[in-house]
Amino acid sequence: MESCRNVLIEFVYREANAQIQSLGSGIKHKYNIDEVIAYALNRLPPMFTSTDVGLQVKRQECAALQENITKVTRQALIAVRRDPLRQPQPLADIELANAPYALLGIQDLLDCKNLMWCDVPKVLENLLESAIAKYNSGNLSPSTSKYGALGRRQGNAQMYLSRSSQKQTVLSIPNETKQKEYATYMLESNHLVHSLERLVIRMAQNRAQSFQPTELKFIRLEDVLAKTLNRLPPLYATSEKGINHLRHYAQMNIGSEVAIIVHESMLEVRKENYGRIEPLMFSKIRHEREQTTIKVSKLLSKEVKWQNMPEVISQSLDLARTGKICWQRSQPKPNVS
C-alpha cells in the first residue's frame, strides 16, 4: 500500500546493495537483490508505519538495529545465492499492483527512468504529439509495440522515439530532499510483497461494516494495516511458489489470530485518531499522483486511475502512432504540407 511501509526496507536495501556491490564482478550476477531483502526482512522485527511522523520515529529505531541488519543481510547472501537450475515463477502483476509499481511501468512506457508523477501529463502529451508528427511525416516504423498490463516490455518492442533532448526541457528539477523521498517511495515497486498484506486489507474492509459511519472517518486502512503487520511475523515472498507457501503457513498457523489482531488494530486506530489524525506517509507524492490522474484524464478525455494508467498510456501511444488523435491538444497543431 502506497502509504503503509515497512521502514526496514530502505535500510535493508541499502545494506544489501552495498554488500552485493562489494563482491567480485564474477559473483554479483548470482544474486537477486529482492530475494536478499526478503530473506533479511523475514528475520528482522517488522517496522511498519503509515504517517510521516511515524516514518521519522521508525527510521531512528531502524538505525539502532544497523548492526543486526548488517549481520542478517550477510546471512541472506549465503542463503539465497542464485541456482542456475532454479527458475522460480515471478510474482503476478496483481500481487505487485501498487502506485509506485504503476509509476515504474509508466517510466518504462515513456522511456524516462526518473519520471515523477507531476511530470507524467506533459511528457505524455509531448510523446503523443511526436508520435502523430512522425506518422504524418511518413517516418514512423510500422512495427507495433506490445506491452504488459503494467508497462513491462514484451518481445522486441521498440520505443516510439528517442527522448534525450526532451528530458532536459520537460522534466521538473526536484530538490535533493524530493529526490530522496521519491527514491524511498519507489522501493515499493520492488518485486517482493508481504504475503499477508492483501489478507489484512480484505479483513479490515469486511470488518469496517460493523462500525458506524461516524467512526469510520477515524479508521484509516493504512493505519490499521501498519498496526496489524507490526504484530504479525514478517512473511515476504519474491515468487509465486514462495507467496503460496507463506499464505498456506499463515492459514494453518495464525489464521484466527490475524482476524483478532485486525479488529483490535481498528479499535486502537479509532481511539488514537479521535485526538488527531497525522498526515499519511508520502502525502505530497500522493497529492501529486492524484493531480496527475486528473490531468491525464482530462488530456485523454476518459476516466483514468493510477491502477489503469500504464495500460491507457500504452493504448493512447499506439493510437497516435497510427495517426489517430486521441487527446485534447494544448499545443499548436504542426503544419502538414
C-alpha atoms as a PDB file:
ATOM      1  CA  MET A   1       0.000   0.000   0.000  1.00  0.00           C
ATOM      2  CA  GLU A   2       1.284   3.421  -1.009  1.00  0.00           C
ATOM      3  CA  SER A   3       1.205   4.997   2.466  1.00  0.00           C
ATOM      4  CA  CYS A   4       1.961   1.972   4.604  1.00  0.00           C
ATOM      5  CA  ARG A   5       5.543   0.812   4.573  1.00  0.00           C
ATOM      6  CA  ASN A   6       7.967  -1.384   6.450  1.00  0.00           C
ATOM      7  CA  VAL A   7      10.657   1.239   7.016  1.00  0.00           C
ATOM      8  CA  LEU A   8      13.250  -1.523   7.288  1.00  0.00           C
ATOM      9  CA  ILE A   9      13.052  -1.999   3.524  1.00  0.00           C
ATOM     10  CA  GLU A  10      15.113   1.117   2.810  1.00  0.00           C
ATOM     11  CA  PHE A  11      17.743   0.108   5.387  1.00  0.00           C
ATOM     12  CA  VAL A  12      17.973  -3.488   4.178  1.00  0.00           C
ATOM     13  CA  TYR A  13      18.011  -2.391   0.533  1.00  0.00           C
ATOM     14  CA  ARG A  14      20.887  -0.016   1.188  1.00  0.00           C
ATOM     15  CA  GLU A  15      22.829  -2.696   3.089  1.00  0.00           C
ATOM     16  CA  ALA A  16      22.107  -5.450   0.554  1.00  0.00           C
ATOM     17  CA  ASN A  17      23.122  -3.248  -2.352  1.00  0.00           C
ATOM     18  CA  ALA A  18      26.369  -2.264  -0.614  1.00  0.00           C
ATOM     19  CA  GLN A  19      27.279  -5.876   0.196  1.00  0.00           C
ATOM     20  CA  ILE A  20      26.484  -7.123  -3.311  1.00  0.00           C
ATOM     21  CA  GLN A  21      28.493  -4.308  -4.907  1.00  0.00           C
ATOM     22  CA  SER A  22      31.473  -5.208  -2.725  1.00  0.00           C
ATOM     23  CA  LEU A  23      31.576  -8.694  -4.251  1.00  0.00           C
ATOM     24  CA  GLY A  24      33.656  -9.616  -7.265  1.00  0.00           C
ATOM     25  CA  SER A  25      32.330  -8.990 -10.755  1.00  0.00           C
ATOM     26  CA  GLY A  26      32.017 -12.716 -11.322  1.00  0.00           C
ATOM     27  CA  ILE A  27      29.729 -13.194  -8.314  1.00  0.00           C
ATOM     28  CA  LYS A  28      27.427 -10.161  -8.307  1.00  0.00           C
ATOM     29  CA  HIS A  29      25.136 -11.538 -11.001  1.00  0.00           C
ATOM     30  CA  LYS A  30      24.404 -14.613  -8.883  1.00  0.00           C
ATOM     31  CA  TYR A  31      22.221 -12.562  -6.535  1.00  0.00           C
ATOM     32  CA  ASN A  32      18.707 -11.226  -6.895  1.00  0.00           C
ATOM     33  CA  ILE A  33      18.574  -8.257  -4.537  1.00  0.00           C
ATOM     34  CA  ASP A  34      14.833  -8.696  -3.943  1.00  0.00           C
ATOM     35  CA  GLU A  35      15.436 -12.230  -2.662  1.00  0.00           C
ATOM     36  CA  VAL A  36      18.209 -10.971  -0.376  1.00  0.00           C
ATOM     37  CA  ILE A  37      15.917  -8.260   1.003  1.00  0.00           C
ATOM     38  CA  ALA A  38      13.001 -10.670   1.534  1.00  0.00           C
ATOM     39  CA  TYR A  39      15.209 -13.163   3.389  1.00  0.00           C
ATOM     40  CA  ALA A  40      16.543 -10.424   5.683  1.00  0.00           C
ATOM     41  CA  LEU A  41      13.152  -8.822   6.335  1.00  0.00           C
ATOM     42  CA  ASN A  42      11.723 -12.195   7.356  1.00  0.00           C
ATOM     43  CA  ARG A  43      14.359 -12.385  10.108  1.00  0.00           C
ATOM     44  CA  LEU A  44      14.081  -8.843  11.440  1.00  0.00           C
ATOM     45  CA  PRO A  45      11.299  -7.257  13.521  1.00  0.00           C
ATOM     46  CA  PRO A  46       8.629  -5.502  11.407  1.00  0.00           C
ATOM     47  CA  MET A  47       8.782  -1.695  11.382  1.00  0.00           C
ATOM     48  CA  PHE A  48       5.572  -0.667   9.624  1.00  0.00           C
ATOM     49  CA  THR A  49       4.226   2.858   9.752  1.00  0.00           C
ATOM     50  CA  SER A  50       1.652   4.860   7.822  1.00  0.00           C
ATOM     51  CA  THR A  51       2.368   8.508   8.725  1.00  0.00           C
ATOM     52  CA  ASP A  52       5.157  11.000   8.066  1.00  0.00           C
ATOM     53  CA  VAL A  53       5.722  11.349  11.812  1.00  0.00           C
ATOM     54  CA  GLY A  54       5.874   7.589  12.251  1.00  0.00           C
ATOM     55  CA  LEU A  55       8.374   7.364   9.394  1.00  0.00           C
ATOM     56  CA  GLN A  56      10.895   9.505  11.275  1.00  0.00           C
ATOM     57  CA  VAL A  57      10.381   7.538  14.501  1.00  0.00           C
ATOM     58  CA  LYS A  58      10.780   4.179  12.775  1.00  0.00           C
ATOM     59  CA  ARG A  59      13.892   5.358  10.958  1.00  0.00           C
ATOM     60  CA  GLN A  60      15.520   6.058  14.311  1.00  0.00           C
ATOM     61  CA  GLU A  61      14.526   2.618  15.546  1.00  0.00           C
ATOM     62  CA  CYS A  62      15.883   1.009  12.375  1.00  0.00           C
ATOM     63  CA  ALA A  63      19.171   2.889  12.708  1.00  0.00           C
ATOM     64  CA  ALA A  64      19.587   1.348  16.168  1.00  0.00           C
ATOM     65  CA  LEU A  65      19.290  -2.087  14.510  1.00  0.00           C
ATOM     66  CA  GLN A  66      22.003  -1.434  11.924  1.00  0.00           C
ATOM     67  CA  GLU A  67      24.460  -3.964  13.350  1.00  0.00           C
ATOM     68  CA  ASN A  68      21.803  -6.682  13.233  1.00  0.00           C
ATOM     69  CA  ILE A  69      20.717  -5.584   9.747  1.00  0.00           C
ATOM     70  CA  THR A  70      24.293  -5.977   8.515  1.00  0.00           C
ATOM     71  CA  LYS A  71      24.618  -9.449  10.058  1.00  0.00           C
ATOM     72  CA  VAL A  72      21.281 -10.739   8.756  1.00  0.00           C
ATOM     73  CA  THR A  73      21.957  -9.356   5.274  1.00  0.00           C
ATOM     74  CA  ARG A  74      25.293 -11.170   5.232  1.00  0.00           C
ATOM     75  CA  GLN A  75      23.457 -14.373   6.134  1.00  0.00           C
ATOM     76  CA  ALA A  76      20.986 -13.676   3.317  1.00  0.00           C
ATOM     77  CA  LEU A  77      23.798 -13.532   0.760  1.00  0.00           C
ATOM     78  CA  ILE A  78      24.844 -17.020   1.807  1.00  0.00           C
ATOM     79  CA  ALA A  79      21.303 -18.397   1.789  1.00  0.00           C
ATOM     80  CA  VAL A  80      19.831 -17.073  -1.462  1.00  0.00           C
ATOM     81  CA  ARG A  81      22.682 -17.337  -3.931  1.00  0.00           C
ATOM     82  CA  ARG A  82      21.041 -17.964  -7.279  1.00  0.00           C
ATOM     83  CA  ASP A  83      20.873 -21.534  -8.527  1.00  0.00           C
ATOM     84  CA  PRO A  84      21.179 -21.561 -12.343  1.00  0.00           C
ATOM     85  CA  LEU A  85      18.970 -24.670 -12.414  1.00  0.00           C
ATOM     86  CA  ARG A  86      16.212 -22.983 -10.407  1.00  0.00           C
ATOM     87  CA  GLN A  87      13.931 -20.642 -12.325  1.00  0.00           C
ATOM     88  CA  PRO A  88      11.199 -19.532  -9.891  1.00  0.00           C
ATOM     89  CA  GLN A  89       7.984 -18.196 -11.368  1.00  0.00           C
ATOM     90  CA  PRO A  90       7.817 -14.457 -10.609  1.00  0.00           C
ATOM     91  CA  LEU A  91       5.026 -12.808  -8.687  1.00  0.00           C
ATOM     92  CA  ALA A  92       1.915 -11.972 -10.689  1.00  0.00           C
ATOM     93  CA  ASP A  93       1.227  -8.325 -11.513  1.00  0.00           C
ATOM     94  CA  ILE A  94      -1.820  -8.374  -9.237  1.00  0.00           C
ATOM     95  CA  GLU A  95       0.450  -9.122  -6.280  1.00  0.00           C
ATOM     96  CA  LEU A  96       2.723  -6.196  -7.144  1.00  0.00           C
ATOM     97  CA  ALA A  97      -0.043  -3.740  -8.010  1.00  0.00           C
ATOM     98  CA  ASN A  98       0.519  -0.523  -6.095  1.00  0.00           C
ATOM     99  CA  ALA A  99       1.017   3.111  -7.063  1.00  0.00           C
ATOM    100  CA  PRO A 100       4.866   3.030  -7.109  1.00  0.00           C
ATOM    101  CA  TYR A 101       4.795  -0.103  -9.284  1.00  0.00           C
ATOM    102  CA  ALA A 102       2.359   1.622 -11.656  1.00  0.00           C
ATOM    103  CA  LEU A 103       4.698   4.624 -11.861  1.00  0.00           C
ATOM    104  CA  LEU A 104       7.560   2.248 -12.657  1.00  0.00           C
ATOM    105  CA  GLY A 105       5.513   0.892 -15.554  1.00  0.00           C
ATOM    106  CA  ILE A 106       4.801   4.439 -16.770  1.00  0.00           C
ATOM    107  CA  GLN A 107       8.509   5.284 -16.573  1.00  0.00           C
ATOM    108  CA  ASP A 108       9.182   2.272 -18.755  1.00  0.00           C
ATOM    109  CA  LEU A 109       6.477   3.176 -21.273  1.00  0.00           C
ATOM    110  CA  LEU A 110       7.635   6.796 -21.544  1.00  0.00           C
ATOM    111  CA  ASP A 111      11.313   5.781 -21.551  1.00  0.00           C
ATOM    112  CA  CYS A 112      12.139   8.050 -18.636  1.00  0.00           C
ATOM    113  CA  LYS A 113      13.776   6.373 -15.653  1.00  0.00           C
ATOM    114  CA  ASN A 114      13.400   9.162 -13.063  1.00  0.00           C
ATOM    115  CA  LEU A 115       9.936  10.355 -14.090  1.00  0.00           C
ATOM    116  CA  MET A 116       7.851  11.706 -11.194  1.00  0.00           C
ATOM    117  CA  TRP A 117       4.066  11.779 -11.023  1.00  0.00           C
ATOM    118  CA  CYS A 118       3.975  15.530 -11.647  1.00  0.00           C
ATOM    119  CA  ASP A 119       5.879  15.100 -14.954  1.00  0.00           C
ATOM    120  CA  VAL A 120       3.606  12.459 -16.479  1.00  0.00           C
ATOM    121  CA  PRO A 121       0.950  14.654 -18.208  1.00  0.00           C
ATOM    122  CA  LYS A 122       3.418  16.896 -20.035  1.00  0.00           C
ATOM    123  CA  VAL A 123       5.784  14.098 -21.045  1.00  0.00           C
ATOM    124  CA  LEU A 124       2.847  12.016 -22.279  1.00  0.00           C
ATOM    125  CA  GLU A 125       1.434  14.873 -24.337  1.00  0.00           C
ATOM    126  CA  ASN A 126       4.832  15.558 -25.911  1.00  0.00           C
ATOM    127  CA  LEU A 127       5.197  11.892 -26.837  1.00  0.00           C
ATOM    128  CA  LEU A 128       1.721  11.804 -28.351  1.00  0.00           C
ATOM    129  CA  GLU A 129       2.500  14.898 -30.429  1.00  0.00           C
ATOM    130  CA  SER A 130       5.820  13.403 -31.532  1.00  0.00           C
ATOM    131  CA  ALA A 131       4.168  10.127 -32.483  1.00  0.00           C
ATOM    132  CA  ILE A 132       1.486  11.812 -34.596  1.00  0.00           C
ATOM    133  CA  ALA A 133       4.108  14.044 -36.228  1.00  0.00           C
ATOM    134  CA  LYS A 134       6.181  11.002 -37.195  1.00  0.00           C
ATOM    135  CA  TYR A 135       3.107   9.342 -38.623  1.00  0.00           C
ATOM    136  CA  ASN A 136       2.244  12.413 -40.678  1.00  0.00           C
ATOM    137  CA  SER A 137       5.799  12.711 -41.961  1.00  0.00           C
ATOM    138  CA  GLY A 138       5.824   9.078 -43.002  1.00  0.00           C
ATOM    139  CA  ASN A 139       8.817   8.232 -40.837  1.00  0.00           C
ATOM    140  CA  LEU A 140       7.026   6.034 -38.306  1.00  0.00           C
ATOM    141  CA  SER A 141       8.135   2.406 -38.155  1.00  0.00           C
ATOM    142  CA  PRO A 142       5.237   0.066 -38.992  1.00  0.00           C
ATOM    143  CA  SER A 143       6.134  -2.313 -36.179  1.00  0.00           C
ATOM    144  CA  THR A 144       3.678  -2.441 -33.288  1.00  0.00           C
ATOM    145  CA  SER A 145       4.731  -2.315 -29.639  1.00  0.00           C
ATOM    146  CA  LYS A 146       3.350  -4.831 -27.188  1.00  0.00           C
ATOM    147  CA  TYR A 147       3.228  -4.057 -23.502  1.00  0.00           C
ATOM    148  CA  GLY A 148       2.018  -5.894 -20.444  1.00  0.00           C
ATOM    149  CA  ALA A 149      -0.709  -4.568 -18.162  1.00  0.00           C
ATOM    150  CA  LEU A 150       1.724  -2.605 -16.018  1.00  0.00           C
ATOM    151  CA  GLY A 151       4.126  -1.417 -18.684  1.00  0.00           C
ATOM    152  CA  ARG A 152       6.548  -4.323 -18.927  1.00  0.00           C
ATOM    153  CA  ARG A 153       8.115  -4.593 -22.378  1.00  0.00           C
ATOM    154  CA  GLN A 154       7.449  -7.902 -24.106  1.00  0.00           C
ATOM    155  CA  GLY A 155       9.394  -9.320 -27.026  1.00  0.00           C
ATOM    156  CA  ASN A 156      11.448  -6.970 -29.208  1.00  0.00           C
ATOM    157  CA  ALA A 157       9.197  -3.951 -28.817  1.00  0.00           C
ATOM    158  CA  GLN A 158      10.734  -0.636 -29.871  1.00  0.00           C
ATOM    159  CA  MET A 159      10.178   2.677 -28.114  1.00  0.00           C
ATOM    160  CA  TYR A 160       8.340   5.353 -30.023  1.00  0.00           C
ATOM    161  CA  LEU A 161      11.227   7.779 -30.314  1.00  0.00           C
ATOM    162  CA  SER A 162      14.428   8.889 -28.686  1.00  0.00           C
ATOM    163  CA  ARG A 163      13.709  11.383 -25.928  1.00  0.00           C
ATOM    164  CA  SER A 164      17.180  12.509 -24.894  1.00  0.00           C
ATOM    165  CA  SER A 165      16.560  16.124 -25.907  1.00  0.00           C
ATOM    166  CA  GLN A 166      13.037  16.258 -24.423  1.00  0.00           C
ATOM    167  CA  LYS A 167      14.125  15.070 -20.973  1.00  0.00           C
ATOM    168  CA  GLN A 168      16.215  18.180 -20.480  1.00  0.00           C
ATOM    169  CA  THR A 169      13.409  20.585 -21.252  1.00  0.00           C
ATOM    170  CA  VAL A 170      10.280  18.797 -19.999  1.00  0.00           C
ATOM    171  CA  LEU A 171      11.075  17.200 -16.659  1.00  0.00           C
ATOM    172  CA  SER A 172      10.883  19.202 -13.467  1.00  0.00           C
ATOM    173  CA  ILE A 173      14.077  19.633 -11.479  1.00  0.00           C
ATOM    174  CA  PRO A 174      13.380  18.409  -7.929  1.00  0.00           C
ATOM    175  CA  ASN A 175      15.457  19.402  -4.947  1.00  0.00           C
ATOM    176  CA  GLU A 176      17.618  16.853  -3.153  1.00  0.00           C
ATOM    177  CA  THR A 177      15.000  16.231  -0.459  1.00  0.00           C
ATOM    178  CA  LYS A 178      12.335  15.377  -3.025  1.00  0.00           C
ATOM    179  CA  GLN A 179      14.727  13.134  -4.947  1.00  0.00           C
ATOM    180  CA  LYS A 180      15.462  11.151  -1.786  1.00  0.00           C
ATOM    181  CA  GLU A 181      11.758  10.946  -0.945  1.00  0.00           C
ATOM    182  CA  TYR A 182      10.954   9.582  -4.395  1.00  0.00           C
ATOM    183  CA  ALA A 183      13.835   7.090  -4.172  1.00  0.00           C
ATOM    184  CA  THR A 184      12.323   5.755  -0.943  1.00  0.00           C
ATOM    185  CA  TYR A 185       8.808   5.846  -2.415  1.00  0.00           C
ATOM    186  CA  MET A 186       9.859   3.767  -5.430  1.00  0.00           C
ATOM    187  CA  LEU A 187      11.308   0.978  -3.264  1.00  0.00           C
ATOM    188  CA  GLU A 188       7.749  -0.325  -3.008  1.00  0.00           C
ATOM    189  CA  SER A 189       7.950  -1.174  -6.722  1.00  0.00           C
ATOM    190  CA  ASN A 190      10.482  -3.930  -5.974  1.00  0.00           C
ATOM    191  CA  HIS A 191       9.428  -7.487  -6.740  1.00  0.00           C
ATOM    192  CA  LEU A 192       8.706  -8.554  -3.186  1.00  0.00           C
ATOM    193  CA  VAL A 193       5.492  -8.439  -1.182  1.00  0.00           C
ATOM    194  CA  HIS A 194       4.289  -9.223   2.322  1.00  0.00           C
ATOM    195  CA  SER A 195       2.119 -12.304   1.852  1.00  0.00           C
ATOM    196  CA  LEU A 196      -0.404 -11.174   4.490  1.00  0.00           C
ATOM    197  CA  GLU A 197      -0.953  -7.599   3.289  1.00  0.00           C
ATOM    198  CA  ARG A 198      -3.860  -8.318   0.961  1.00  0.00           C
ATOM    199  CA  LEU A 199      -5.461 -10.624   3.535  1.00  0.00           C
ATOM    200  CA  VAL A 200      -5.301  -7.941   6.235  1.00  0.00           C
ATOM    201  CA  ILE A 201      -6.730  -5.312   3.882  1.00  0.00           C
ATOM    202  CA  ARG A 202      -9.631  -7.585   2.940  1.00  0.00           C
ATOM    203  CA  MET A 203     -10.350  -8.429   6.580  1.00  0.00           C
ATOM    204  CA  ALA A 204     -10.287  -4.763   7.588  1.00  0.00           C
ATOM    205  CA  GLN A 205     -12.631  -3.790   4.758  1.00  0.00           C
ATOM    206  CA  ASN A 206     -15.080  -6.515   5.782  1.00  0.00           C
ATOM    207  CA  ARG A 207     -14.823  -5.613   9.455  1.00  0.00           C
ATOM    208  CA  ALA A 208     -15.483  -1.948   8.637  1.00  0.00           C
ATOM    209  CA  GLN A 209     -19.124  -2.817   8.000  1.00  0.00           C
ATOM    210  CA  SER A 210     -19.611  -3.318  11.742  1.00  0.00           C
ATOM    211  CA  PHE A 211     -18.589   0.278  12.552  1.00  0.00           C
ATOM    212  CA  GLN A 212     -20.778   3.358  12.404  1.00  0.00           C
ATOM    213  CA  PRO A 213     -20.110   5.758   9.505  1.00  0.00           C
ATOM    214  CA  THR A 214     -19.212   8.475  12.018  1.00  0.00           C
ATOM    215  CA  GLU A 215     -16.483   6.188  13.391  1.00  0.00           C
ATOM    216  CA  LEU A 216     -15.061   5.066  10.065  1.00  0.00           C
ATOM    217  CA  LYS A 217     -13.656   8.501   9.253  1.00  0.00           C
ATOM    218  CA  PHE A 218     -11.223   7.942  12.128  1.00  0.00           C
ATOM    219  CA  ILE A 219     -10.227   4.449  10.967  1.00  0.00           C
ATOM    220  CA  ARG A 220      -7.841   4.702   8.036  1.00  0.00           C
ATOM    221  CA  LEU A 221      -6.947   1.469   6.286  1.00  0.00           C
ATOM    222  CA  GLU A 222      -3.250   2.412   6.155  1.00  0.00           C
ATOM    223  CA  ASP A 223      -3.099   2.837   9.935  1.00  0.00           C
ATOM    224  CA  VAL A 224      -4.862  -0.473  10.542  1.00  0.00           C
ATOM    225  CA  LEU A 225      -2.546  -2.272   8.130  1.00  0.00           C
ATOM    226  CA  ALA A 226       0.586  -0.885   9.798  1.00  0.00           C
ATOM    227  CA  LYS A 227      -0.570  -1.780  13.315  1.00  0.00           C
ATOM    228  CA  THR A 228      -1.632  -5.270  12.285  1.00  0.00           C
ATOM    229  CA  LEU A 229       1.510  -6.177  10.348  1.00  0.00           C
ATOM    230  CA  ASN A 230       3.683  -4.962  13.231  1.00  0.00           C
ATOM    231  CA  ARG A 231       2.047  -7.640  15.395  1.00  0.00           C
ATOM    232  CA  LEU A 232       2.425 -10.463  12.872  1.00  0.00           C
ATOM    233  CA  PRO A 233       5.521 -12.340  11.691  1.00  0.00           C
ATOM    234  CA  PRO A 234       7.107 -10.816   8.558  1.00  0.00           C
ATOM    235  CA  LEU A 235       6.283 -13.092   5.627  1.00  0.00           C
ATOM    236  CA  TYR A 236       7.877 -11.627   2.487  1.00  0.00           C
ATOM    237  CA  ALA A 237       7.981 -13.507  -0.815  1.00  0.00           C
ATOM    238  CA  THR A 238       9.511 -12.876  -4.247  1.00  0.00           C
ATOM    239  CA  SER A 239       7.959 -15.728  -6.247  1.00  0.00           C
ATOM    240  CA  GLU A 240       4.574 -17.312  -6.798  1.00  0.00           C
ATOM    241  CA  LYS A 241       5.676 -20.502  -5.073  1.00  0.00           C
ATOM    242  CA  GLY A 242       7.009 -18.562  -2.111  1.00  0.00           C
ATOM    243  CA  ILE A 243       3.893 -16.479  -1.563  1.00  0.00           C
ATOM    244  CA  ASN A 244       1.605 -19.519  -1.854  1.00  0.00           C
ATOM    245  CA  HIS A 245       3.728 -21.388   0.687  1.00  0.00           C
ATOM    246  CA  LEU A 246       3.677 -18.498   3.175  1.00  0.00           C
ATOM    247  CA  ARG A 247      -0.060 -17.950   2.791  1.00  0.00           C
ATOM    248  CA  HIS A 248      -0.682 -21.647   3.436  1.00  0.00           C
ATOM    249  CA  TYR A 249       1.540 -21.427   6.514  1.00  0.00           C
ATOM    250  CA  ALA A 250      -0.400 -18.399   7.773  1.00  0.00           C
ATOM    251  CA  GLN A 251      -3.748 -20.081   7.134  1.00  0.00           C
ATOM    252  CA  MET A 252      -2.738 -23.193   9.059  1.00  0.00           C
ATOM    253  CA  ASN A 253      -0.980 -21.495  11.971  1.00  0.00           C
ATOM    254  CA  ILE A 254      -2.181 -17.920  12.550  1.00  0.00           C
ATOM    255  CA  GLY A 255      -5.403 -17.534  10.554  1.00  0.00           C
ATOM    256  CA  SER A 256      -7.730 -16.907  13.521  1.00  0.00           C
ATOM    257  CA  GLU A 257      -5.115 -14.744  15.228  1.00  0.00           C
ATOM    258  CA  VAL A 258      -4.935 -12.415  12.214  1.00  0.00           C
ATOM    259  CA  ALA A 259      -8.675 -11.692  12.371  1.00  0.00           C
ATOM    260  CA  ILE A 260      -8.469 -10.835  16.064  1.00  0.00           C
ATOM    261  CA  ILE A 261      -5.459  -8.561  15.569  1.00  0.00           C
ATOM    262  CA  VAL A 262      -7.158  -6.729  12.695  1.00  0.00           C
ATOM    263  CA  HIS A 263     -10.195  -5.957  14.869  1.00  0.00           C
ATOM    264  CA  GLU A 264      -8.055  -4.852  17.801  1.00  0.00           C
ATOM    265  CA  SER A 265      -5.990  -2.631  15.484  1.00  0.00           C
ATOM    266  CA  MET A 266      -9.123  -0.955  14.168  1.00  0.00           C
ATOM    267  CA  LEU A 267     -10.265  -0.163  17.702  1.00  0.00           C
ATOM    268  CA  GLU A 268      -6.828   1.233  18.576  1.00  0.00           C
ATOM    269  CA  VAL A 269      -6.692   3.374  15.437  1.00  0.00           C
ATOM    270  CA  ARG A 270     -10.164   4.756  16.106  1.00  0.00           C
ATOM    271  CA  LYS A 271      -9.185   5.710  19.658  1.00  0.00           C
ATOM    272  CA  GLU A 272      -5.880   7.296  18.645  1.00  0.00           C
ATOM    273  CA  ASN A 273      -7.333   9.254  15.725  1.00  0.00           C
ATOM    274  CA  TYR A 274     -10.106  10.774  17.834  1.00  0.00           C
ATOM    275  CA  GLY A 275      -7.433  13.157  19.097  1.00  0.00           C
ATOM    276  CA  ARG A 276      -5.546  13.954  15.917  1.00  0.00           C
ATOM    277  CA  ILE A 277      -5.078  12.346  12.528  1.00  0.00           C
ATOM    278  CA  GLU A 278      -1.449  12.599  11.392  1.00  0.00           C
ATOM    279  CA  PRO A 279      -0.675  13.155   7.677  1.00  0.00           C
ATOM    280  CA  LEU A 280      -0.218   9.912   5.774  1.00  0.00           C
ATOM    281  CA  MET A 281       3.229   8.862   4.645  1.00  0.00           C
ATOM    282  CA  PHE A 282       4.251  10.368   1.278  1.00  0.00           C
ATOM    283  CA  SER A 283       1.276  12.747   1.471  1.00  0.00           C
ATOM    284  CA  LYS A 284       2.877  15.185  -1.005  1.00  0.00           C
ATOM    285  CA  ILE A 285       3.609  12.447  -3.518  1.00  0.00           C
ATOM    286  CA  ARG A 286       0.065  11.113  -3.093  1.00  0.00           C
ATOM    287  CA  HIS A 287      -1.254  14.610  -3.876  1.00  0.00           C
ATOM    288  CA  GLU A 288       0.957  14.750  -6.993  1.00  0.00           C
ATOM    289  CA  ARG A 289      -0.364  11.375  -8.081  1.00  0.00           C
ATOM    290  CA  GLU A 290      -3.978  12.468  -7.569  1.00  0.00           C
ATOM    291  CA  GLN A 291      -3.429  15.690  -9.562  1.00  0.00           C
ATOM    292  CA  THR A 292      -1.698  13.726 -12.325  1.00  0.00           C
ATOM    293  CA  THR A 293      -4.662  11.357 -12.540  1.00  0.00           C
ATOM    294  CA  ILE A 294      -6.990  14.332 -13.032  1.00  0.00           C
ATOM    295  CA  LYS A 295      -4.747  15.910 -15.686  1.00  0.00           C
ATOM    296  CA  VAL A 296      -4.232  12.685 -17.641  1.00  0.00           C
ATOM    297  CA  SER A 297      -7.989  12.006 -17.535  1.00  0.00           C
ATOM    298  CA  LYS A 298      -8.608  15.465 -18.969  1.00  0.00           C
ATOM    299  CA  LEU A 299      -5.855  15.074 -21.556  1.00  0.00           C
ATOM    300  CA  LEU A 300      -7.212  11.744 -22.833  1.00  0.00           C
ATOM    301  CA  SER A 301     -10.915  12.564 -22.273  1.00  0.00           C
ATOM    302  CA  LYS A 302     -11.534   9.388 -20.286  1.00  0.00           C
ATOM    303  CA  GLU A 303     -11.518   8.315 -16.676  1.00  0.00           C
ATOM    304  CA  VAL A 304      -8.002   7.295 -15.683  1.00  0.00           C
ATOM    305  CA  LYS A 305      -6.848   5.918 -12.343  1.00  0.00           C
ATOM    306  CA  TRP A 306      -3.339   5.023 -11.279  1.00  0.00           C
ATOM    307  CA  GLN A 307      -4.338   1.359 -11.498  1.00  0.00           C
ATOM    308  CA  ASN A 308      -5.026   1.529 -15.248  1.00  0.00           C
ATOM    309  CA  MET A 309      -2.803   4.457 -16.229  1.00  0.00           C
ATOM    310  CA  PRO A 310       0.042   2.361 -17.739  1.00  0.00           C
ATOM    311  CA  GLU A 311      -2.412   0.438 -19.917  1.00  0.00           C
ATOM    312  CA  VAL A 312      -4.241   3.594 -21.010  1.00  0.00           C
ATOM    313  CA  ILE A 313      -0.966   5.348 -21.835  1.00  0.00           C
ATOM    314  CA  SER A 314       0.195   2.371 -23.913  1.00  0.00           C
ATOM    315  CA  GLN A 315      -3.088   2.301 -25.844  1.00  0.00           C
ATOM    316  CA  SER A 316      -3.002   6.063 -26.450  1.00  0.00           C
ATOM    317  CA  LEU A 317       0.543   5.961 -27.788  1.00  0.00           C
ATOM    318  CA  ASP A 318      -0.367   3.087 -30.105  1.00  0.00           C
ATOM    319  CA  LEU A 319      -3.314   5.108 -31.450  1.00  0.00           C
ATOM    320  CA  ALA A 320      -1.105   8.166 -32.010  1.00  0.00           C
ATOM    321  CA  ARG A 321       1.390   6.024 -33.910  1.00  0.00           C
ATOM    322  CA  THR A 322      -1.380   5.044 -36.329  1.00  0.00           C
ATOM    323  CA  GLY A 323      -2.397   8.662 -36.946  1.00  0.00           C
ATOM    324  CA  LYS A 324      -5.325   8.893 -34.540  1.00  0.00           C
ATOM    325  CA  ILE A 325      -5.593  11.990 -32.331  1.00  0.00           C
ATOM    326  CA  CYS A 326      -6.922  10.593 -29.056  1.00  0.00           C
ATOM    327  CA  TRP A 327      -6.201  13.516 -26.733  1.00  0.00           C
ATOM    328  CA  GLN A 328      -7.185  17.126 -26.129  1.00  0.00           C
ATOM    329  CA  ARG A 329      -4.338  19.051 -27.737  1.00  0.00           C
ATOM    330  CA  SER A 330      -2.929  22.030 -25.857  1.00  0.00           C
ATOM    331  CA  GLN A 331      -0.071  22.608 -28.284  1.00  0.00           C
ATOM    332  CA  PRO A 332      -0.494  24.191 -31.742  1.00  0.00           C
ATOM    333  CA  LYS A 333      -1.096  21.585 -34.398  1.00  0.00           C
ATOM    334  CA  PRO A 334       2.013  21.005 -36.541  1.00  0.00           C
ATOM    335  CA  ASN A 335       1.834  22.251 -40.138  1.00  0.00           C
ATOM    336  CA  VAL A 336       1.488  19.413 -42.586  1.00  0.00           C
ATOM    337  CA  SER A 337       2.342  20.144 -46.178  1.00  0.00           C
END
